[in-house]
Amino acid sequence: MDFSIHSKLTADTINLGSFSLCEILLMNDCRFPWIILVPKIPDLQDFHEIPIQHRTVLFQEIEQASEMIQKHWQVDKMNVAALGNQVSQLHIHVIGRRRTDEAWPNPVWGHGTPIPYDTTNMSTVIQSLKRELTIAAS
């Protein structure tokens, strides 16, 4: 089976490109600095299923995404999670949190209504993030 990203993830995100292991998605909700990493390995559901030869790379890519969020948004706290209750495909949420964000200190899931990036802001954010992540334009 070939790798593809679950339709729920593609519907809720903006594709920023790829690391060597993961596709990099920006959650289309400007209230929270939120990247989703999707390992490009078919049929993964949980962390324990990640082949051992890919585990170090995955954690390096989580670190890269975390550092990019910290640099771009100057957040107070990083949250990293892989729940998979709504989308079983393994995907890792890397979310920057501020003590002043509207969901603090609670989880961002299910809090309020997402606010998509507007067209102008989206273009600026995407170009900036791609530059910071050194991703070639798709």
Foldseek 3Di string as FASTA:
>chain_A
DFFDDDPVQVVQWDFLQDDPFWTWTAGQFVLWRKIKTAGRDPPDQDPVPPPPVCVVVVVVVLVLSLVLCCVVPVADDWDWDFDCPPPRRTMIMTIGHHCPRPQPPHDPPPPDDGDGDPPVRVVVVSVSSCVSSVHDGD
